[in-house]
Amino acid sequence: MRHGPATVTTTYLELVEPEPIRMPSRPAPPGFGTRIVEDPAVNAGMYRRVGADYAWLDRLRWSDRQWRRWAERIETHIVEVDGAEAGYFELELDSPGSAKVSIFGLLGEYHGRAIGGHALVAALDRGRALRPRVWLTTCTLDGPHALANYRARGMRPFRVETAGAPASLAGGRRR
């Protein structure tokens, strides 16, 4: 039996105007795009699908009402490739000057296809259209390329925290 990590490191990153958003070196795949959705069931479904590989546990027990209330507060974007859902991101206007990328993730079959960099640029562009500062968090339970992608797009760490892993991870991450 594989066990989860004893500690989890969370990195907080930001992009503040006038810092530029850096484009990925690889072109976007054919048929890449994003679209805004306003359906709490989409948020719940994508959270479960994308988060299944990364120990996303916080919202698994949310009721339909909690998902509805959450979806009313945020802007949800589906990442698509050739009309298929490849991932999603959520933007939360958490303060007058900041937009938080609350969720950012791709489905496993879309990793390694130059989608993550372009999806992050879309998230940062949209966040910047709403607020001068865009920020997010990532942790050592996320995909192995997440932190590198955020930094490559121009985001800078402003805080790092290390804590014990949640007890729910004692049996290891799902894969």
Foldseek 3Di string as FASTA:
>chain_A
DDFADQKKKKWKWKDFPPFAFDADPDDAAAQKDKDWDQDLVVVLVLCCQFCQQQPPDPCPPPDPVRSNVVSVQWIKMFIDHNRDGFHIWIWGPPDQAEIEGEDGGGGPVCPPRSRRLVVVVVVVVVRCVRHRMYMYMDMPSDDPCVVVSCVNRPIDTDDMDMDTDDPVRRVHGHD
